[in-house]
């Protein structure tokens, strides 16, 4: 069975070498949607949503209200999504679920997806 969770974080970045406005420091409200998959346990849960929210919040803690250039040399939406995926996979190891997909919106109407 699949479970999904969506949340937001705010961060700033610039795109070094980019020809356009995004070369300048600017910010976004990012939206993150994660989908995990697992079996329903004897307790009736695949994974408690409260626990899943804590895992996602922990993964985003290093990104929220930060300059993403301090963490990633080229902080494109694609690289940010990869960073979040790697962190979530690590944080979900040892739990009854696995990450199926991650979708990251950079502001409104623009997104990348890893599945």
C-alpha atoms as a PDB file:
ATOM      1  CA  UNK A   1       0.000   0.000   0.000  1.00  0.00           C
ATOM      2  CA  UNK A   2       1.185   3.546  -0.682  1.00  0.00           C
ATOM      3  CA  UNK A   3       1.120   6.529   1.655  1.00  0.00           C
ATOM      4  CA  UNK A   4       1.727  10.143   0.677  1.00  0.00           C
ATOM      5  CA  UNK A   5       2.705  13.239   2.561  1.00  0.00           C
ATOM      6  CA  UNK A   6       3.158  16.842   1.425  1.00  0.00           C
ATOM      7  CA  UNK A   7       4.833  19.741   3.213  1.00  0.00           C
ATOM      8  CA  UNK A   8       6.639  23.014   2.455  1.00  0.00           C
ATOM      9  CA  UNK A   9       9.885  24.752   3.257  1.00  0.00           C
ATOM     10  CA  UNK A  10      11.369  28.124   2.348  1.00  0.00           C
ATOM     11  CA  UNK A  11      14.889  28.629   1.063  1.00  0.00           C
ATOM     12  CA  UNK A  12      17.061  30.893  -1.055  1.00  0.00           C
ATOM     13  CA  UNK A  13      19.515  30.080  -3.832  1.00  0.00           C
ATOM     14  CA  UNK A  14      21.276  31.404  -6.871  1.00  0.00           C
ATOM     15  CA  UNK A  15      22.323  29.492  -9.964  1.00  0.00           C
ATOM     16  CA  UNK A  16      26.019  30.080 -10.697  1.00  0.00           C
ATOM     17  CA  UNK A  17      26.744  30.466 -14.398  1.00  0.00           C
ATOM     18  CA  UNK A  18      23.073  30.789 -15.309  1.00  0.00           C
ATOM     19  CA  UNK A  19      22.270  33.446 -17.912  1.00  0.00           C
ATOM     20  CA  UNK A  20      19.241  35.192 -16.457  1.00  0.00           C
ATOM     21  CA  UNK A  21      17.605  36.482 -13.305  1.00  0.00           C
ATOM     22  CA  UNK A  22      18.102  33.206 -11.429  1.00  0.00           C
ATOM     23  CA  UNK A  23      21.837  33.894 -11.313  1.00  0.00           C
ATOM     24  CA  UNK A  24      20.933  36.385  -8.558  1.00  0.00           C
ATOM     25  CA  UNK A  25      20.099  35.319  -5.024  1.00  0.00           C
ATOM     26  CA  UNK A  26      16.345  34.740  -4.714  1.00  0.00           C
ATOM     27  CA  UNK A  27      13.946  32.628  -2.670  1.00  0.00           C
ATOM     28  CA  UNK A  28      11.158  30.121  -3.118  1.00  0.00           C
ATOM     29  CA  UNK A  29       8.553  28.338  -1.116  1.00  0.00           C
ATOM     30  CA  UNK A  30       9.238  24.736  -2.048  1.00  0.00           C
ATOM     31  CA  UNK A  31       6.592  22.045  -1.728  1.00  0.00           C
ATOM     32  CA  UNK A  32       7.663  18.438  -1.253  1.00  0.00           C
ATOM     33  CA  UNK A  33       5.502  15.377  -1.785  1.00  0.00           C
ATOM     34  CA  UNK A  34       6.837  11.996  -0.786  1.00  0.00           C
ATOM     35  CA  UNK A  35       5.203   8.650  -1.474  1.00  0.00           C
ATOM     36  CA  UNK A  36       6.236   5.558   0.436  1.00  0.00           C
ATOM     37  CA  UNK A  37       5.143   1.964   0.101  1.00  0.00           C
ATOM     38  CA  UNK A  38       4.888  -0.930   2.506  1.00  0.00           C
ATOM     39  CA  UNK A  39       2.669  -3.641   3.886  1.00  0.00           C
ATOM     40  CA  UNK A  40      -0.090  -3.067   6.402  1.00  0.00           C
ATOM     41  CA  UNK A  41       1.184  -4.334   9.732  1.00  0.00           C
ATOM     42  CA  UNK A  42      -0.643  -6.161  12.507  1.00  0.00           C
ATOM     43  CA  UNK A  43      -1.317  -2.740  14.066  1.00  0.00           C
ATOM     44  CA  UNK A  44      -3.290  -1.700  10.973  1.00  0.00           C
ATOM     45  CA  UNK A  45      -0.661   0.820   9.791  1.00  0.00           C
ATOM     46  CA  UNK A  46       1.781   0.841   6.924  1.00  0.00           C
ATOM     47  CA  UNK A  47       3.500   3.598   8.913  1.00  0.00           C
ATOM     48  CA  UNK A  48       1.947   6.082  11.313  1.00  0.00           C
ATOM     49  CA  UNK A  49       1.535   9.465   9.560  1.00  0.00           C
ATOM     50  CA  UNK A  50       2.982  11.165  12.641  1.00  0.00           C
ATOM     51  CA  UNK A  51       6.188   9.142  12.301  1.00  0.00           C
ATOM     52  CA  UNK A  52       6.301   9.779   8.547  1.00  0.00           C
ATOM     53  CA  UNK A  53       5.911  13.541   9.134  1.00  0.00           C
ATOM     54  CA  UNK A  54       8.826  13.449  11.575  1.00  0.00           C
ATOM     55  CA  UNK A  55      11.053  11.699   9.006  1.00  0.00           C
ATOM     56  CA  UNK A  56      10.201  14.254   6.307  1.00  0.00           C
ATOM     57  CA  UNK A  57      10.628  17.217   8.667  1.00  0.00           C
ATOM     58  CA  UNK A  58      14.018  15.881   9.733  1.00  0.00           C
ATOM     59  CA  UNK A  59      15.147  15.529   6.122  1.00  0.00           C
ATOM     60  CA  UNK A  60      14.108  19.104   5.312  1.00  0.00           C
ATOM     61  CA  UNK A  61      15.499  20.668   8.489  1.00  0.00           C
ATOM     62  CA  UNK A  62      18.877  21.367   6.849  1.00  0.00           C
ATOM     63  CA  UNK A  63      17.184  23.104   3.892  1.00  0.00           C
ATOM     64  CA  UNK A  64      14.530  25.237   5.560  1.00  0.00           C
ATOM     65  CA  UNK A  65      15.323  28.967   5.708  1.00  0.00           C
ATOM     66  CA  UNK A  66      18.817  28.406   4.356  1.00  0.00           C
ATOM     67  CA  UNK A  67      20.841  29.503   1.377  1.00  0.00           C
ATOM     68  CA  UNK A  68      20.963  26.265  -0.598  1.00  0.00           C
ATOM     69  CA  UNK A  69      24.257  27.276  -2.214  1.00  0.00           C
ATOM     70  CA  UNK A  70      25.844  26.544   1.174  1.00  0.00           C
ATOM     71  CA  UNK A  71      24.842  22.867   0.766  1.00  0.00           C
ATOM     72  CA  UNK A  72      24.900  22.288  -2.988  1.00  0.00           C
ATOM     73  CA  UNK A  73      27.294  23.799  -5.540  1.00  0.00           C
ATOM     74  CA  UNK A  74      24.535  24.080  -8.178  1.00  0.00           C
ATOM     75  CA  UNK A  75      21.192  24.079  -6.322  1.00  0.00           C
ATOM     76  CA  UNK A  76      18.788  23.428  -9.190  1.00  0.00           C
ATOM     77  CA  UNK A  77      15.423  21.850  -8.423  1.00  0.00           C
ATOM     78  CA  UNK A  78      16.806  18.601  -9.812  1.00  0.00           C
ATOM     79  CA  UNK A  79      19.812  18.611  -7.458  1.00  0.00           C
ATOM     80  CA  UNK A  80      17.669  19.608  -4.468  1.00  0.00           C
ATOM     81  CA  UNK A  81      15.261  16.734  -5.178  1.00  0.00           C
ATOM     82  CA  UNK A  82      18.183  14.298  -5.438  1.00  0.00           C
ATOM     83  CA  UNK A  83      19.565  15.559  -2.104  1.00  0.00           C
ATOM     84  CA  UNK A  84      16.170  15.134  -0.403  1.00  0.00           C
ATOM     85  CA  UNK A  85      15.738  11.635  -1.874  1.00  0.00           C
ATOM     86  CA  UNK A  86      19.112  10.465  -0.620  1.00  0.00           C
ATOM     87  CA  UNK A  87      18.397  11.842   2.841  1.00  0.00           C
ATOM     88  CA  UNK A  88      14.931  10.227   2.963  1.00  0.00           C
ATOM     89  CA  UNK A  89      16.241   6.847   1.803  1.00  0.00           C
ATOM     90  CA  UNK A  90      18.828   6.956   4.584  1.00  0.00           C
ATOM     91  CA  UNK A  91      16.303   8.068   7.203  1.00  0.00           C
ATOM     92  CA  UNK A  92      13.720   5.473   6.131  1.00  0.00           C
ATOM     93  CA  UNK A  93      16.144   2.552   6.293  1.00  0.00           C
ATOM     94  CA  UNK A  94      15.104   0.304   9.129  1.00  0.00           C
ATOM     95  CA  UNK A  95      11.443   1.342   8.837  1.00  0.00           C
ATOM     96  CA  UNK A  96       8.692  -0.801   7.287  1.00  0.00           C
ATOM     97  CA  UNK A  97       8.440   1.445   4.180  1.00  0.00           C
ATOM     98  CA  UNK A  98      10.519   2.392   1.163  1.00  0.00           C
ATOM     99  CA  UNK A  99      10.496   5.664  -0.768  1.00  0.00           C
ATOM    100  CA  UNK A 100       8.597   5.253  -4.046  1.00  0.00           C
ATOM    101  CA  UNK A 101       8.697   8.810  -5.379  1.00  0.00           C
ATOM    102  CA  UNK A 102       9.447  12.387  -4.514  1.00  0.00           C
ATOM    103  CA  UNK A 103       8.015  15.488  -6.172  1.00  0.00           C
ATOM    104  CA  UNK A 104       9.489  18.927  -5.527  1.00  0.00           C
ATOM    105  CA  UNK A 105       7.737  22.134  -6.571  1.00  0.00           C
ATOM    106  CA  UNK A 106       9.915  25.221  -6.920  1.00  0.00           C
ATOM    107  CA  UNK A 107       7.355  27.924  -6.305  1.00  0.00           C
ATOM    108  CA  UNK A 108       4.082  27.536  -8.164  1.00  0.00           C
ATOM    109  CA  UNK A 109       3.521  25.381 -11.225  1.00  0.00           C
ATOM    110  CA  UNK A 110       7.139  24.171 -11.606  1.00  0.00           C
ATOM    111  CA  UNK A 111       8.183  20.748 -10.367  1.00  0.00           C
ATOM    112  CA  UNK A 112      10.585  17.852 -10.708  1.00  0.00           C
ATOM    113  CA  UNK A 113       9.826  14.244  -9.827  1.00  0.00           C
ATOM    114  CA  UNK A 114      11.975  11.244  -8.984  1.00  0.00           C
ATOM    115  CA  UNK A 115      10.438   7.790  -9.015  1.00  0.00           C
END
